[in-house]
C-alpha cells in the first residue's frame, strides 16, 4: 500500500470567492489590480479565464489586507514562474481556481492550495496520470469510491508541487 508523504502542519488562512459580479463591478476591480495582472488578463482568449485571473488577484489583495494589513502589493516571480511578495517574503500565498470558484491560501510557510470541480471521468486517465504503484492501489478501491480517491491524490500532488516544489501546476 502506498503511503501519503507526511507534510508539516502549518497555519493557513483560506479565502474563497464565487464569481457573481456584473460588468460595472468588474471595471472597478480592474482599477485595483496590478498593471502586470491587467496585461496578463488581456492575453486570455476566454472571458471566464479573464474573470478568474482578475478575481485571483482581488482575493489575494483582500486576504493580505485582512490578515496582515498589507495594502500595497509588489509581486515578483521565482525561476518557475511562481509569484511571491517582493516586500514581504516571509508571507507565502497560493491561488487556485476551477469553474466559478477562486481560492487563496496565505501563511507563514510555503504552501499549496487547489480547488477543482469534481466531474465524472474515465478512470483510465488515472493510469496515465499516476505512477504504476498508485494506479495499482486505486484499482483496489471499491469502484464507488475511486473518483474521490483519484481527485484527492491528484490534488495532494498538485498542492505539493505548487507549495513545496515551488512550481505552479495545472
Protein backbone atom coordinates (compact mmCIF):
# COMPACT_ATOMS: atom_id res chain seq x y z
CA UNK A 1 0.00 0.00 0.00
CA UNK A 2 1.29 3.47 -0.86
CA UNK A 3 1.81 5.95 1.91
CA UNK A 4 0.96 9.63 1.58
CA UNK A 5 4.01 11.81 2.34
CA UNK A 6 3.94 13.41 5.75
CA UNK A 7 3.62 17.16 5.41
CA UNK A 8 4.31 19.67 8.13
CA UNK A 9 1.22 21.21 9.70
CA UNK A 10 1.04 24.93 9.01
CA UNK A 11 -1.36 27.70 9.86
CA UNK A 12 -3.03 28.76 6.67
CA UNK A 13 -5.86 31.20 6.11
CA UNK A 14 -8.09 30.28 3.21
CA UNK A 15 -10.37 32.68 1.40
CA UNK A 16 -12.75 31.77 -1.40
CA UNK A 17 -14.78 33.69 -3.90
CA UNK A 18 -17.70 32.67 -6.07
CA UNK A 19 -17.95 34.81 -9.20
CA UNK A 20 -21.25 36.70 -9.46
CA UNK A 21 -20.14 40.25 -10.27
CA UNK A 22 -21.62 42.43 -13.00
CA UNK A 23 -19.76 44.44 -15.64
CA UNK A 24 -19.67 47.68 -13.60
CA UNK A 25 -18.11 45.89 -10.64
CA UNK A 26 -15.54 44.27 -12.90
CA UNK A 27 -14.41 47.63 -14.28
CA UNK A 28 -13.97 48.90 -10.71
CA UNK A 29 -11.91 45.82 -9.82
CA UNK A 30 -9.66 46.19 -12.87
CA UNK A 31 -8.53 49.56 -11.49
CA UNK A 32 -7.46 47.93 -8.21
CA UNK A 33 -5.12 45.27 -9.60
CA UNK A 34 -1.53 45.47 -10.82
CA UNK A 35 -0.68 46.52 -14.35
CA UNK A 36 1.07 43.15 -14.78
CA UNK A 37 -2.18 41.35 -13.98
CA UNK A 38 -4.14 43.58 -16.37
CA UNK A 39 -1.64 42.72 -19.11
CA UNK A 40 -1.93 39.03 -18.28
CA UNK A 41 -5.73 39.25 -18.37
CA UNK A 42 -5.67 40.91 -21.79
CA UNK A 43 -3.85 37.88 -23.21
CA UNK A 44 -6.58 35.41 -22.25
CA UNK A 45 -8.92 34.39 -25.03
CA UNK A 46 -11.94 33.41 -22.95
CA UNK A 47 -13.88 35.76 -20.70
CA UNK A 48 -14.13 33.13 -17.96
CA UNK A 49 -10.31 32.92 -17.78
CA UNK A 50 -10.07 36.71 -17.63
CA UNK A 51 -12.55 36.79 -14.74
CA UNK A 52 -10.76 34.08 -12.78
CA UNK A 53 -7.43 35.85 -13.18
CA UNK A 54 -8.95 39.15 -12.08
CA UNK A 55 -10.65 37.64 -9.05
CA UNK A 56 -7.49 35.76 -8.07
CA UNK A 57 -5.56 39.00 -7.51
CA UNK A 58 -8.54 40.73 -5.92
CA UNK A 59 -8.90 37.83 -3.49
CA UNK A 60 -5.17 37.88 -2.73
CA UNK A 61 -5.33 41.61 -2.00
CA UNK A 62 -8.36 41.11 0.25
CA UNK A 63 -6.71 38.25 2.18
CA UNK A 64 -3.43 40.13 2.68
CA UNK A 65 -5.21 43.25 3.87
CA UNK A 66 -7.50 41.33 6.22
CA UNK A 67 -4.79 39.11 7.73
CA UNK A 68 -1.66 41.30 7.61
CA UNK A 69 -2.89 44.84 6.93
CA UNK A 70 -0.95 44.90 3.63
CA UNK A 71 -2.46 47.19 1.01
CA UNK A 72 0.34 47.80 -1.50
CA UNK A 73 1.49 44.73 -3.37
CA UNK A 74 4.71 44.30 -5.24
CA UNK A 75 4.80 40.87 -6.84
CA UNK A 76 7.76 39.04 -8.30
CA UNK A 77 8.12 35.54 -9.73
CA UNK A 78 10.66 32.83 -9.00
CA UNK A 79 12.51 30.82 -11.63
CA UNK A 80 9.46 28.56 -12.07
CA UNK A 81 7.05 31.46 -12.54
CA UNK A 82 5.51 31.13 -9.06
CA UNK A 83 4.58 34.59 -7.75
CA UNK A 84 5.78 35.93 -4.40
CA UNK A 85 5.52 39.16 -2.42
CA UNK A 86 8.67 41.20 -3.03
CA UNK A 87 8.30 43.35 0.10
CA UNK A 88 7.04 40.55 2.37
CA UNK A 89 8.98 37.41 1.51
CA UNK A 90 8.06 35.99 4.93
CA UNK A 91 4.43 35.68 3.77
CA UNK A 92 3.53 32.92 1.34
CA UNK A 93 0.45 32.51 -0.80
CA UNK A 94 -1.03 30.29 -3.44
CA UNK A 95 -4.03 30.76 -5.72
CA UNK A 96 -6.27 28.28 -7.49
CA UNK A 97 -9.48 28.35 -9.48
CA UNK A 98 -11.93 25.93 -11.01
CA UNK A 99 -15.24 26.71 -12.63
CA UNK A 100 -16.73 29.69 -10.82
CA UNK A 101 -14.52 29.36 -7.73
CA UNK A 102 -11.28 31.13 -6.89
CA UNK A 103 -9.39 30.33 -3.66
CA UNK A 104 -6.37 31.86 -1.96
CA UNK A 105 -4.25 30.43 0.81
CA UNK A 106 -1.85 32.63 2.77
CA UNK A 107 0.51 31.71 5.57
CA UNK A 108 3.95 31.97 7.12
CA UNK A 109 5.40 28.97 5.25
CA UNK A 110 5.45 27.84 1.65
CA UNK A 111 2.07 26.32 0.85
CA UNK A 112 -0.06 24.91 -1.89
CA UNK A 113 -3.81 25.09 -2.34
CA UNK A 114 -6.06 23.78 -5.05
CA UNK A 115 -9.75 23.66 -5.83
CA UNK A 116 -11.35 21.57 -8.52
CA UNK A 117 -14.84 20.88 -9.70
CA UNK A 118 -15.47 17.15 -9.32
CA UNK A 119 -16.77 15.67 -12.55
CA UNK A 120 -17.13 12.10 -13.69
CA UNK A 121 -14.09 10.99 -15.64
CA UNK A 122 -12.93 7.92 -17.47
CA UNK A 123 -10.80 6.20 -14.82
CA UNK A 124 -8.26 5.13 -17.44
CA UNK A 125 -6.99 8.72 -17.11
CA UNK A 126 -5.65 7.73 -13.69
CA UNK A 127 -3.49 5.09 -15.32
CA UNK A 128 -1.72 7.83 -17.31
CA UNK A 129 -1.67 10.41 -14.51
CA UNK A 130 -0.27 8.33 -11.64
CA UNK A 131 2.76 6.15 -11.14
CA UNK A 132 2.20 2.43 -11.72
CA UNK A 133 2.06 1.73 -7.96
CA UNK A 134 -0.54 4.47 -7.41
CA UNK A 135 -2.70 3.15 -10.25
CA UNK A 136 -2.48 -0.37 -8.83
CA UNK A 137 -3.59 0.98 -5.44
CA UNK A 138 -6.52 2.91 -6.96
CA UNK A 139 -7.71 -0.25 -8.70
CA UNK A 140 -8.06 -1.90 -5.26
CA UNK A 141 -10.50 0.80 -4.09
CA UNK A 142 -14.21 -0.01 -4.41
CA UNK A 143 -15.49 1.46 -7.67
CA UNK A 144 -17.95 3.75 -5.87
CA UNK A 145 -15.03 5.45 -4.06
CA UNK A 146 -12.44 5.61 -6.87
CA UNK A 147 -13.42 9.02 -8.23
CA UNK A 148 -12.95 10.64 -4.82
CA UNK A 149 -9.62 8.88 -4.29
CA UNK A 150 -8.46 9.96 -7.76
CA UNK A 151 -9.23 13.63 -7.12
CA UNK A 152 -7.77 13.62 -3.58
CA UNK A 153 -4.50 12.09 -4.74
CA UNK A 154 -4.34 14.38 -7.76
CA UNK A 155 -4.93 17.44 -5.58
CA UNK A 156 -2.36 16.33 -2.99
CA UNK A 157 0.21 16.02 -5.73
CA UNK A 158 -0.63 19.40 -7.27
CA UNK A 159 -0.62 21.17 -3.90
CA UNK A 160 2.75 19.62 -3.10
CA UNK A 161 4.27 20.90 -6.33
CA UNK A 162 2.60 24.29 -6.02
CA UNK A 163 3.71 24.84 -2.46
CA UNK A 164 6.77 22.81 -1.72
CA UNK A 165 8.42 22.33 -5.08
CA UNK A 166 7.95 26.00 -5.96
CA UNK A 167 6.08 25.28 -9.18
CA UNK A 168 2.61 26.13 -10.31
CA UNK A 169 0.92 23.18 -11.93
CA UNK A 170 -2.41 22.83 -13.70
